[in-house]
Amino acid sequence: MTDTLSLDQLRSFVAIAESGSYSRAAERVFRSQPALSMQMKRLEELVGAQLLDRNGRETRVTEAGEVLLNYARRILDLNEEAISKLSVIDTEGSVRIGVLEEVALGPLVDVLTKFGRFASRVNLEVRVNTSWELTEMIDRDDICLAVANRMYSSGAVIPLWNERYVWVMNPDYPLLNEDPLPIVMDPMSQPCPLRDAALGGLDDRRRRWNLVFGSVSVAALKAAINAGLGVGMLVESEVGPNMRVLGETDGFPEIPPAEIGLLRSPGATSEAVDCLADFLVRHLAPGSVGQAA
């Protein structure tokens, strides 16, 4: 009988290769370290080559391992693509989904694009707004699903991932010497616990501040920061090349991460909504196949 590579073995191997550690890989694939070691021993026996070089707490991929790693990623991607496509290909309907502007790009748009390609009979209507507005829209049944900061919702939320926020400024302007410190953030008229926590941290340090520019638009905030109007708070992925990230050594408190989750309207019960919700969780939730390492 021809020997075959197990998807489970390949998934564990990729996790070890990408994390560089059996312990971190074990957390990622929800297995014990001894179980991973046994899997890798059997995999090396199957291919007849050493794949991993374990040196203390760190693990590196050997030359043979690099060859297998390339194949393993392709095999796992093809397997996931086949399952994903077959699970949604016959679904029909329409889904209105709201997305927080800060996370509208990156992995989320890739997943939504993939869903649209696989589920060609499902019409997607994407609305971009603040987490507070998206939560209100869910409660009013204006949208079916929302990917937003879970802290605004009192209902059930499926956790997806955490977003890190940072203080940023244009280094060409001497803003740190100003008193009060000019701030660029969400307007005070809008609920924003992250903004309140960040500014509360400045208050704790007895750093006076003044909100000189307020907007719920990430693009507008970035433009104001680049123009040197003040120090702002952005999700880490939105930090531009001409911005300087500020930290504790600059006198700025750490901003708590935003817990991004999937919200669902109680009235959204169609098969198309079920299909998209399952697809998002499958690709974005902690420990999912599609989640970035």
C-alpha atoms as a PDB file:
ATOM      1  CA  MET A   1       0.000   0.000   0.000  1.00  0.00           C
ATOM      2  CA  THR A   2       1.304   3.481  -0.869  1.00  0.00           C
ATOM      3  CA  ASP A   3       2.202   5.615   2.142  1.00  0.00           C
ATOM      4  CA  THR A   4       0.110   8.772   2.494  1.00  0.00           C
ATOM      5  CA  LEU A   5       0.636  12.003   4.390  1.00  0.00           C
ATOM      6  CA  SER A   6      -1.939  12.717   7.068  1.00  0.00           C
ATOM      7  CA  LEU A   7      -3.524  16.173   7.049  1.00  0.00           C
ATOM      8  CA  ASP A   8      -3.393  16.141  10.838  1.00  0.00           C
ATOM      9  CA  GLN A   9       0.355  15.438  10.755  1.00  0.00           C
ATOM     10  CA  LEU A  10       0.946  18.145   8.167  1.00  0.00           C
ATOM     11  CA  ARG A  11      -1.098  20.683  10.131  1.00  0.00           C
ATOM     12  CA  SER A  12       0.965  19.988  13.254  1.00  0.00           C
ATOM     13  CA  PHE A  13       4.220  20.125  11.279  1.00  0.00           C
ATOM     14  CA  VAL A  14       3.328  23.517   9.789  1.00  0.00           C
ATOM     15  CA  ALA A  15       2.380  24.822  13.242  1.00  0.00           C
ATOM     16  CA  ILE A  16       5.766  23.791  14.655  1.00  0.00           C
ATOM     17  CA  ALA A  17       7.657  25.192  11.672  1.00  0.00           C
ATOM     18  CA  GLU A  18       5.872  28.546  11.804  1.00  0.00           C
ATOM     19  CA  SER A  19       5.965  28.999  15.575  1.00  0.00           C
ATOM     20  CA  GLY A  20       9.480  27.585  16.074  1.00  0.00           C
ATOM     21  CA  SER A  21       8.360  25.857  19.232  1.00  0.00           C
ATOM     22  CA  TYR A  22       6.573  22.646  20.200  1.00  0.00           C
ATOM     23  CA  SER A  23       4.892  24.399  23.134  1.00  0.00           C
ATOM     24  CA  ARG A  24       3.486  27.246  21.012  1.00  0.00           C
ATOM     25  CA  ALA A  25       2.461  24.812  18.286  1.00  0.00           C
ATOM     26  CA  ALA A  26       0.693  22.625  20.865  1.00  0.00           C
ATOM     27  CA  GLU A  27      -1.449  25.592  21.910  1.00  0.00           C
ATOM     28  CA  ARG A  28      -2.225  26.372  18.296  1.00  0.00           C
ATOM     29  CA  VAL A  29      -3.382  22.876  17.304  1.00  0.00           C
ATOM     30  CA  PHE A  30      -4.838  21.979  20.730  1.00  0.00           C
ATOM     31  CA  ARG A  31      -2.582  18.977  21.359  1.00  0.00           C
ATOM     32  CA  SER A  32      -0.136  18.062  24.092  1.00  0.00           C
ATOM     33  CA  GLN A  33       3.596  18.360  23.439  1.00  0.00           C
ATOM     34  CA  PRO A  34       4.142  14.569  23.797  1.00  0.00           C
ATOM     35  CA  ALA A  35       1.403  13.967  21.230  1.00  0.00           C
ATOM     36  CA  LEU A  36       3.100  16.395  18.832  1.00  0.00           C
ATOM     37  CA  SER A  37       6.467  14.719  19.349  1.00  0.00           C
ATOM     38  CA  MET A  38       4.943  11.337  18.532  1.00  0.00           C
ATOM     39  CA  GLN A  39       3.272  12.764  15.428  1.00  0.00           C
ATOM     40  CA  MET A  40       6.549  14.231  14.165  1.00  0.00           C
ATOM     41  CA  LYS A  41       8.429  10.985  14.859  1.00  0.00           C
ATOM     42  CA  ARG A  42       5.917   9.056  12.753  1.00  0.00           C
ATOM     43  CA  LEU A  43       6.022  11.707  10.027  1.00  0.00           C
ATOM     44  CA  GLU A  44       9.831  11.552   9.839  1.00  0.00           C
ATOM     45  CA  GLU A  45       9.666   7.752   9.695  1.00  0.00           C
ATOM     46  CA  LEU A  46       7.128   8.002   6.878  1.00  0.00           C
ATOM     47  CA  VAL A  47       9.215  10.372   4.712  1.00  0.00           C
ATOM     48  CA  GLY A  48      12.540   8.845   5.723  1.00  0.00           C
ATOM     49  CA  ALA A  49      14.227  12.119   6.648  1.00  0.00           C
ATOM     50  CA  GLN A  50      14.771  14.413   9.618  1.00  0.00           C
ATOM     51  CA  LEU A  51      12.378  17.341   9.319  1.00  0.00           C
ATOM     52  CA  LEU A  52      12.940  19.287  12.518  1.00  0.00           C
ATOM     53  CA  ASP A  53      16.063  20.181  14.488  1.00  0.00           C
ATOM     54  CA  ARG A  54      15.170  20.655  18.141  1.00  0.00           C
ATOM     55  CA  ASN A  55      17.644  22.765  20.109  1.00  0.00           C
ATOM     56  CA  GLY A  56      16.450  23.501  23.620  1.00  0.00           C
ATOM     57  CA  ARG A  57      13.199  25.430  23.496  1.00  0.00           C
ATOM     58  CA  GLU A  58      13.602  26.421  19.859  1.00  0.00           C
ATOM     59  CA  THR A  59      12.919  24.185  16.864  1.00  0.00           C
ATOM     60  CA  ARG A  60      14.164  24.799  13.332  1.00  0.00           C
ATOM     61  CA  VAL A  61      13.183  23.222  10.044  1.00  0.00           C
ATOM     62  CA  THR A  62      15.873  21.150   8.299  1.00  0.00           C
ATOM     63  CA  GLU A  63      16.568  21.285   4.566  1.00  0.00           C
ATOM     64  CA  ALA A  64      14.266  18.303   4.041  1.00  0.00           C
ATOM     65  CA  GLY A  65      11.729  19.994   6.287  1.00  0.00           C
ATOM     66  CA  GLU A  66      11.722  23.103   4.085  1.00  0.00           C
ATOM     67  CA  VAL A  67      10.845  20.932   1.091  1.00  0.00           C
ATOM     68  CA  LEU A  68       7.975  19.289   2.943  1.00  0.00           C
ATOM     69  CA  LEU A  69       6.816  22.614   4.406  1.00  0.00           C
ATOM     70  CA  ASN A  70       6.180  23.992   0.932  1.00  0.00           C
ATOM     71  CA  TYR A  71       4.142  20.921  -0.046  1.00  0.00           C
ATOM     72  CA  ALA A  72       2.349  20.824   3.325  1.00  0.00           C
ATOM     73  CA  ARG A  73       1.087  24.385   3.001  1.00  0.00           C
ATOM     74  CA  ARG A  74      -0.154  23.741  -0.526  1.00  0.00           C
ATOM     75  CA  ILE A  75      -1.887  20.493   0.487  1.00  0.00           C
ATOM     76  CA  LEU A  76      -3.590  22.120   3.482  1.00  0.00           C
ATOM     77  CA  ASP A  77      -4.658  25.128   1.411  1.00  0.00           C
ATOM     78  CA  LEU A  78      -6.155  22.892  -1.282  1.00  0.00           C
ATOM     79  CA  ASN A  79      -7.933  20.797   1.330  1.00  0.00           C
ATOM     80  CA  GLU A  80      -9.381  23.892   2.989  1.00  0.00           C
ATOM     81  CA  GLU A  81     -10.389  25.402  -0.348  1.00  0.00           C
ATOM     82  CA  ALA A  82     -12.200  22.224  -1.395  1.00  0.00           C
ATOM     83  CA  ILE A  83     -14.094  21.957   1.902  1.00  0.00           C
ATOM     84  CA  SER A  84     -14.926  25.669   1.939  1.00  0.00           C
ATOM     85  CA  LYS A  85     -16.211  25.695  -1.627  1.00  0.00           C
ATOM     86  CA  LEU A  86     -18.282  22.523  -1.291  1.00  0.00           C
ATOM     87  CA  SER A  87     -19.836  23.747   1.970  1.00  0.00           C
ATOM     88  CA  VAL A  88     -21.241  26.927   0.404  1.00  0.00           C
ATOM     89  CA  ILE A  89     -21.550  26.276  -3.331  1.00  0.00           C
ATOM     90  CA  ASP A  90     -25.304  25.534  -3.323  1.00  0.00           C
ATOM     91  CA  THR A  91     -26.303  28.292  -0.895  1.00  0.00           C
ATOM     92  CA  GLU A  92     -28.537  31.095  -2.171  1.00  0.00           C
ATOM     93  CA  GLY A  93     -29.799  34.343  -0.673  1.00  0.00           C
ATOM     94  CA  SER A  94     -28.688  37.771   0.534  1.00  0.00           C
ATOM     95  CA  VAL A  95     -26.694  38.805   3.606  1.00  0.00           C
ATOM     96  CA  ARG A  96     -26.200  42.310   4.987  1.00  0.00           C
ATOM     97  CA  ILE A  97     -22.976  42.417   6.989  1.00  0.00           C
ATOM     98  CA  GLY A  98     -21.486  45.346   8.884  1.00  0.00           C
ATOM     99  CA  VAL A  99     -17.747  45.754   9.346  1.00  0.00           C
ATOM    100  CA  LEU A 100     -15.708  47.974  11.637  1.00  0.00           C
ATOM    101  CA  GLU A 101     -13.646  50.316   9.441  1.00  0.00           C
ATOM    102  CA  GLU A 102     -10.381  49.517  11.234  1.00  0.00           C
ATOM    103  CA  VAL A 103     -10.651  45.832  10.274  1.00  0.00           C
ATOM    104  CA  ALA A 104     -12.319  46.229   6.880  1.00  0.00           C
ATOM    105  CA  LEU A 105      -9.015  45.466   5.190  1.00  0.00           C
ATOM    106  CA  GLY A 106      -6.519  42.687   5.838  1.00  0.00           C
ATOM    107  CA  PRO A 107      -7.577  39.090   6.599  1.00  0.00           C
ATOM    108  CA  LEU A 108     -11.282  39.938   6.805  1.00  0.00           C
ATOM    109  CA  VAL A 109     -11.570  41.252   3.263  1.00  0.00           C
ATOM    110  CA  ASP A 110      -9.652  38.219   2.017  1.00  0.00           C
ATOM    111  CA  VAL A 111     -12.139  35.892   3.725  1.00  0.00           C
ATOM    112  CA  LEU A 112     -15.165  37.810   2.428  1.00  0.00           C
ATOM    113  CA  THR A 113     -13.687  37.790  -1.079  1.00  0.00           C
ATOM    114  CA  LYS A 114     -13.121  34.050  -0.880  1.00  0.00           C
ATOM    115  CA  PHE A 115     -16.693  33.506   0.340  1.00  0.00           C
ATOM    116  CA  GLY A 116     -18.044  35.622  -2.522  1.00  0.00           C
ATOM    117  CA  ARG A 117     -16.043  33.568  -5.011  1.00  0.00           C
ATOM    118  CA  PHE A 118     -17.193  30.229  -3.568  1.00  0.00           C
ATOM    119  CA  ALA A 119     -20.821  31.162  -2.816  1.00  0.00           C
ATOM    120  CA  SER A 120     -21.611  32.879  -6.109  1.00  0.00           C
ATOM    121  CA  ARG A 121     -25.378  32.654  -5.480  1.00  0.00           C
ATOM    122  CA  VAL A 122     -25.195  34.682  -2.263  1.00  0.00           C
ATOM    123  CA  ASN A 123     -25.435  38.467  -2.584  1.00  0.00           C
ATOM    124  CA  LEU A 124     -23.325  40.296  -0.003  1.00  0.00           C
ATOM    125  CA  GLU A 125     -24.076  43.862   1.090  1.00  0.00           C
ATOM    126  CA  VAL A 126     -21.188  45.207   3.207  1.00  0.00           C
ATOM    127  CA  ARG A 127     -21.617  48.300   5.367  1.00  0.00           C
ATOM    128  CA  VAL A 128     -18.698  49.980   7.123  1.00  0.00           C
ATOM    129  CA  ASN A 129     -19.297  51.838  10.388  1.00  0.00           C
ATOM    130  CA  THR A 130     -18.221  52.187  14.013  1.00  0.00           C
ATOM    131  CA  SER A 131     -18.678  49.293  16.425  1.00  0.00           C
ATOM    132  CA  TRP A 132     -21.266  51.255  18.381  1.00  0.00           C
ATOM    133  CA  GLU A 133     -23.319  51.976  15.248  1.00  0.00           C
ATOM    134  CA  LEU A 134     -22.974  48.383  14.036  1.00  0.00           C
ATOM    135  CA  THR A 135     -24.245  47.085  17.372  1.00  0.00           C
ATOM    136  CA  GLU A 136     -27.244  49.427  17.127  1.00  0.00           C
ATOM    137  CA  MET A 137     -27.894  48.191  13.578  1.00  0.00           C
ATOM    138  CA  ILE A 138     -27.794  44.570  14.800  1.00  0.00           C
ATOM    139  CA  ASP A 139     -30.307  45.389  17.542  1.00  0.00           C
ATOM    140  CA  ARG A 140     -32.610  47.071  15.006  1.00  0.00           C
ATOM    141  CA  ASP A 141     -32.253  44.119  12.597  1.00  0.00           C
ATOM    142  CA  ASP A 142     -30.881  46.491   9.943  1.00  0.00           C
ATOM    143  CA  ILE A 143     -28.015  44.087   9.243  1.00  0.00           C
ATOM    144  CA  CYS A 144     -27.677  40.330   9.641  1.00  0.00           C
ATOM    145  CA  LEU A 145     -24.091  40.068  10.898  1.00  0.00           C
ATOM    146  CA  ALA A 146     -21.407  42.423  12.166  1.00  0.00           C
ATOM    147  CA  VAL A 147     -17.679  42.119  12.748  1.00  0.00           C
ATOM    148  CA  ALA A 148     -17.028  44.658  15.487  1.00  0.00           C
ATOM    149  CA  ASN A 149     -15.641  45.370  18.942  1.00  0.00           C
ATOM    150  CA  ARG A 150     -17.579  43.039  21.224  1.00  0.00           C
ATOM    151  CA  MET A 151     -17.609  45.418  24.203  1.00  0.00           C
ATOM    152  CA  TYR A 152     -20.593  47.313  22.794  1.00  0.00           C
ATOM    153  CA  SER A 153     -22.858  44.270  22.655  1.00  0.00           C
ATOM    154  CA  SER A 154     -24.842  42.849  25.554  1.00  0.00           C
ATOM    155  CA  GLY A 155     -25.821  39.786  23.536  1.00  0.00           C
ATOM    156  CA  ALA A 156     -23.972  36.659  22.474  1.00  0.00           C
ATOM    157  CA  VAL A 157     -20.764  37.349  20.534  1.00  0.00           C
ATOM    158  CA  ILE A 158     -18.434  34.807  18.914  1.00  0.00           C
ATOM    159  CA  PRO A 159     -14.803  35.888  19.538  1.00  0.00           C
ATOM    160  CA  LEU A 160     -12.682  36.197  16.392  1.00  0.00           C
ATOM    161  CA  TRP A 161      -9.398  37.956  17.185  1.00  0.00           C
ATOM    162  CA  ASN A 162      -7.832  40.852  19.132  1.00  0.00           C
ATOM    163  CA  GLU A 163      -6.713  44.132  17.568  1.00  0.00           C
ATOM    164  CA  ARG A 164      -3.872  46.133  19.117  1.00  0.00           C
ATOM    165  CA  TYR A 165      -4.133  49.928  19.215  1.00  0.00           C
ATOM    166  CA  VAL A 166      -1.154  52.283  19.528  1.00  0.00           C
ATOM    167  CA  TRP A 167      -0.386  55.963  20.036  1.00  0.00           C
ATOM    168  CA  VAL A 168       1.059  57.583  16.900  1.00  0.00           C
ATOM    169  CA  MET A 169       2.239  60.974  15.655  1.00  0.00           C
ATOM    170  CA  ASN A 170       4.035  62.618  12.766  1.00  0.00           C
ATOM    171  CA  PRO A 171       7.643  62.899  14.011  1.00  0.00           C
ATOM    172  CA  ASP A 172       8.216  66.047  11.931  1.00  0.00           C
ATOM    173  CA  TYR A 173       6.173  68.090  14.415  1.00  0.00           C
ATOM    174  CA  PRO A 174       7.264  68.796  18.045  1.00  0.00           C
ATOM    175  CA  LEU A 175       3.905  67.792  19.498  1.00  0.00           C
ATOM    176  CA  LEU A 176       5.275  66.145  22.644  1.00  0.00           C
ATOM    177  CA  ASN A 177       6.438  69.533  23.942  1.00  0.00           C
ATOM    178  CA  GLU A 178       2.983  71.068  23.722  1.00  0.00           C
ATOM    179  CA  ASP A 179       0.856  71.585  26.839  1.00  0.00           C
ATOM    180  CA  PRO A 180      -1.902  70.595  26.694  1.00  0.00           C
ATOM    181  CA  LEU A 181      -1.115  67.729  24.337  1.00  0.00           C
ATOM    182  CA  PRO A 182      -3.159  67.978  21.096  1.00  0.00           C
ATOM    183  CA  ILE A 183      -5.179  64.790  20.563  1.00  0.00           C
ATOM    184  CA  VAL A 184      -6.738  63.345  17.390  1.00  0.00           C
ATOM    185  CA  MET A 185      -9.411  60.700  18.163  1.00  0.00           C
ATOM    186  CA  ASP A 186     -13.056  59.696  17.974  1.00  0.00           C
ATOM    187  CA  PRO A 187     -15.308  62.648  18.939  1.00  0.00           C
ATOM    188  CA  MET A 188     -16.597  62.791  22.505  1.00  0.00           C
ATOM    189  CA  SER A 189     -20.157  62.664  21.155  1.00  0.00           C
ATOM    190  CA  GLN A 190     -19.580  59.017  20.192  1.00  0.00           C
ATOM    191  CA  PRO A 191     -19.281  56.189  22.756  1.00  0.00           C
ATOM    192  CA  CYS A 192     -15.731  54.784  22.630  1.00  0.00           C
ATOM    193  CA  PRO A 193     -14.419  52.842  25.643  1.00  0.00           C
ATOM    194  CA  LEU A 194     -10.959  52.470  24.051  1.00  0.00           C
ATOM    195  CA  ARG A 195     -10.663  56.248  23.630  1.00  0.00           C
ATOM    196  CA  ASP A 196     -11.807  56.747  27.219  1.00  0.00           C
ATOM    197  CA  ALA A 197      -9.284  54.199  28.496  1.00  0.00           C
ATOM    198  CA  ALA A 198      -6.458  55.797  26.510  1.00  0.00           C
ATOM    199  CA  LEU A 199      -7.256  59.311  27.689  1.00  0.00           C
ATOM    200  CA  GLY A 200      -7.779  58.014  31.224  1.00  0.00           C
ATOM    201  CA  GLY A 201      -4.231  56.699  31.084  1.00  0.00           C
ATOM    202  CA  LEU A 202      -2.998  60.199  30.243  1.00  0.00           C
ATOM    203  CA  ASP A 203      -5.019  61.573  33.163  1.00  0.00           C
ATOM    204  CA  ASP A 204      -3.376  59.048  35.481  1.00  0.00           C
ATOM    205  CA  ARG A 205       0.016  60.391  34.355  1.00  0.00           C
ATOM    206  CA  ARG A 206      -1.197  63.960  34.961  1.00  0.00           C
ATOM    207  CA  ARG A 207      -0.664  64.742  31.285  1.00  0.00           C
ATOM    208  CA  ARG A 208      -2.993  67.492  30.163  1.00  0.00           C
ATOM    209  CA  TRP A 209      -4.619  66.991  26.758  1.00  0.00           C
ATOM    210  CA  ASN A 210      -7.004  68.694  24.367  1.00  0.00           C
ATOM    211  CA  LEU A 211      -9.064  66.968  21.663  1.00  0.00           C
ATOM    212  CA  VAL A 212      -8.306  69.186  18.661  1.00  0.00           C
ATOM    213  CA  PHE A 213      -9.732  66.930  15.941  1.00  0.00           C
ATOM    214  CA  GLY A 214     -12.494  64.348  16.248  1.00  0.00           C
ATOM    215  CA  SER A 215     -13.791  61.939  13.606  1.00  0.00           C
ATOM    216  CA  VAL A 216     -15.126  58.395  13.375  1.00  0.00           C
ATOM    217  CA  SER A 217     -13.398  58.016  10.006  1.00  0.00           C
ATOM    218  CA  VAL A 218     -10.059  56.206  10.148  1.00  0.00           C
ATOM    219  CA  ALA A 219      -9.007  57.881   6.899  1.00  0.00           C
ATOM    220  CA  ALA A 220      -9.751  61.325   8.351  1.00  0.00           C
ATOM    221  CA  LEU A 221      -7.868  60.541  11.572  1.00  0.00           C
ATOM    222  CA  LYS A 222      -4.835  59.332   9.615  1.00  0.00           C
ATOM    223  CA  ALA A 223      -4.889  62.484   7.494  1.00  0.00           C
ATOM    224  CA  ALA A 224      -5.026  64.671  10.601  1.00  0.00           C
ATOM    225  CA  ILE A 225      -2.148  62.779  12.224  1.00  0.00           C
ATOM    226  CA  ASN A 226      -0.044  62.996   9.066  1.00  0.00           C
ATOM    227  CA  ALA A 227      -0.768  66.718   8.903  1.00  0.00           C
ATOM    228  CA  GLY A 228       0.685  67.117  12.399  1.00  0.00           C
ATOM    229  CA  LEU A 229      -2.559  68.221  14.062  1.00  0.00           C
ATOM    230  CA  GLY A 230      -1.991  66.010  17.069  1.00  0.00           C
ATOM    231  CA  VAL A 231      -1.205  62.639  18.599  1.00  0.00           C
ATOM    232  CA  GLY A 232      -3.685  59.941  17.662  1.00  0.00           C
ATOM    233  CA  MET A 233      -4.741  56.384  18.413  1.00  0.00           C
ATOM    234  CA  LEU A 234      -4.819  53.891  15.541  1.00  0.00           C
ATOM    235  CA  VAL A 235      -5.102  50.163  15.124  1.00  0.00           C
ATOM    236  CA  GLU A 236      -1.566  48.854  14.617  1.00  0.00           C
ATOM    237  CA  SER A 237      -2.225  47.686  11.060  1.00  0.00           C
ATOM    238  CA  GLU A 238      -3.182  51.251  10.033  1.00  0.00           C
ATOM    239  CA  VAL A 239       0.091  52.851  11.146  1.00  0.00           C
ATOM    240  CA  GLY A 240       1.709  54.527   8.148  1.00  0.00           C
ATOM    241  CA  PRO A 241       5.418  54.586   7.233  1.00  0.00           C
ATOM    242  CA  ASN A 242       5.718  58.269   8.174  1.00  0.00           C
ATOM    243  CA  MET A 243       4.241  57.824  11.635  1.00  0.00           C
ATOM    244  CA  ARG A 244       6.060  57.275  14.915  1.00  0.00           C
ATOM    245  CA  VAL A 245       4.632  54.845  17.447  1.00  0.00           C
ATOM    246  CA  LEU A 246       4.720  56.190  21.011  1.00  0.00           C
ATOM    247  CA  GLY A 247       5.078  54.037  24.105  1.00  0.00           C
ATOM    248  CA  GLU A 248       5.778  54.008  27.826  1.00  0.00           C
ATOM    249  CA  THR A 249       9.209  55.605  27.383  1.00  0.00           C
ATOM    250  CA  ASP A 250       7.469  58.581  25.746  1.00  0.00           C
ATOM    251  CA  GLY A 251       5.031  58.880  28.649  1.00  0.00           C
ATOM    252  CA  PHE A 252       2.088  57.213  26.936  1.00  0.00           C
ATOM    253  CA  PRO A 253       0.040  54.419  28.544  1.00  0.00           C
ATOM    254  CA  GLU A 254      -0.575  51.094  26.847  1.00  0.00           C
ATOM    255  CA  ILE A 255      -3.982  50.942  25.169  1.00  0.00           C
ATOM    256  CA  PRO A 256      -6.049  47.822  25.909  1.00  0.00           C
ATOM    257  CA  PRO A 257      -6.654  45.611  22.850  1.00  0.00           C
ATOM    258  CA  ALA A 258     -10.039  45.506  21.165  1.00  0.00           C
ATOM    259  CA  GLU A 259     -11.749  42.118  21.197  1.00  0.00           C
ATOM    260  CA  ILE A 260     -13.217  41.718  17.726  1.00  0.00           C
ATOM    261  CA  GLY A 261     -16.189  39.379  17.511  1.00  0.00           C
ATOM    262  CA  LEU A 262     -19.047  38.249  15.288  1.00  0.00           C
ATOM    263  CA  LEU A 263     -22.460  39.665  16.173  1.00  0.00           C
ATOM    264  CA  ARG A 264     -25.704  38.310  14.755  1.00  0.00           C
ATOM    265  CA  SER A 265     -29.187  39.772  14.611  1.00  0.00           C
ATOM    266  CA  PRO A 266     -31.827  37.555  16.269  1.00  0.00           C
ATOM    267  CA  GLY A 267     -33.967  37.911  13.151  1.00  0.00           C
ATOM    268  CA  ALA A 268     -31.237  36.739  10.778  1.00  0.00           C
ATOM    269  CA  THR A 269     -32.116  33.065  10.401  1.00  0.00           C
ATOM    270  CA  SER A 270     -31.627  32.324   6.709  1.00  0.00           C
ATOM    271  CA  GLU A 271     -29.385  29.584   5.343  1.00  0.00           C
ATOM    272  CA  ALA A 272     -27.219  32.229   3.658  1.00  0.00           C
ATOM    273  CA  VAL A 273     -26.568  33.941   6.999  1.00  0.00           C
ATOM    274  CA  ASP A 274     -25.774  30.585   8.628  1.00  0.00           C
ATOM    275  CA  CYS A 275     -23.386  29.834   5.808  1.00  0.00           C
ATOM    276  CA  LEU A 276     -21.473  33.131   6.007  1.00  0.00           C
ATOM    277  CA  ALA A 277     -21.339  33.075   9.809  1.00  0.00           C
ATOM    278  CA  ASP A 278     -19.884  29.553   9.812  1.00  0.00           C
ATOM    279  CA  PHE A 279     -17.414  30.545   7.085  1.00  0.00           C
ATOM    280  CA  LEU A 280     -16.174  33.573   9.059  1.00  0.00           C
ATOM    281  CA  VAL A 281     -15.767  31.598  12.271  1.00  0.00           C
ATOM    282  CA  ARG A 282     -14.017  28.784  10.419  1.00  0.00           C
ATOM    283  CA  HIS A 283     -11.444  31.163   8.936  1.00  0.00           C
ATOM    284  CA  LEU A 284     -11.066  33.873  11.598  1.00  0.00           C
ATOM    285  CA  ALA A 285     -11.796  32.465  15.062  1.00  0.00           C
ATOM    286  CA  PRO A 286      -8.929  31.447  17.410  1.00  0.00           C
ATOM    287  CA  GLY A 287      -7.488  28.105  16.363  1.00  0.00           C
ATOM    288  CA  SER A 288      -9.208  28.196  12.965  1.00  0.00           C
ATOM    289  CA  VAL A 289      -7.561  26.810   9.864  1.00  0.00           C
ATOM    290  CA  GLY A 290      -7.470  30.188   8.168  1.00  0.00           C
ATOM    291  CA  GLN A 291      -6.138  32.176  11.105  1.00  0.00           C
ATOM    292  CA  ALA A 292      -2.719  33.690  10.661  1.00  0.00           C
ATOM    293  CA  ALA A 293       0.028  32.315  12.830  1.00  0.00           C
END
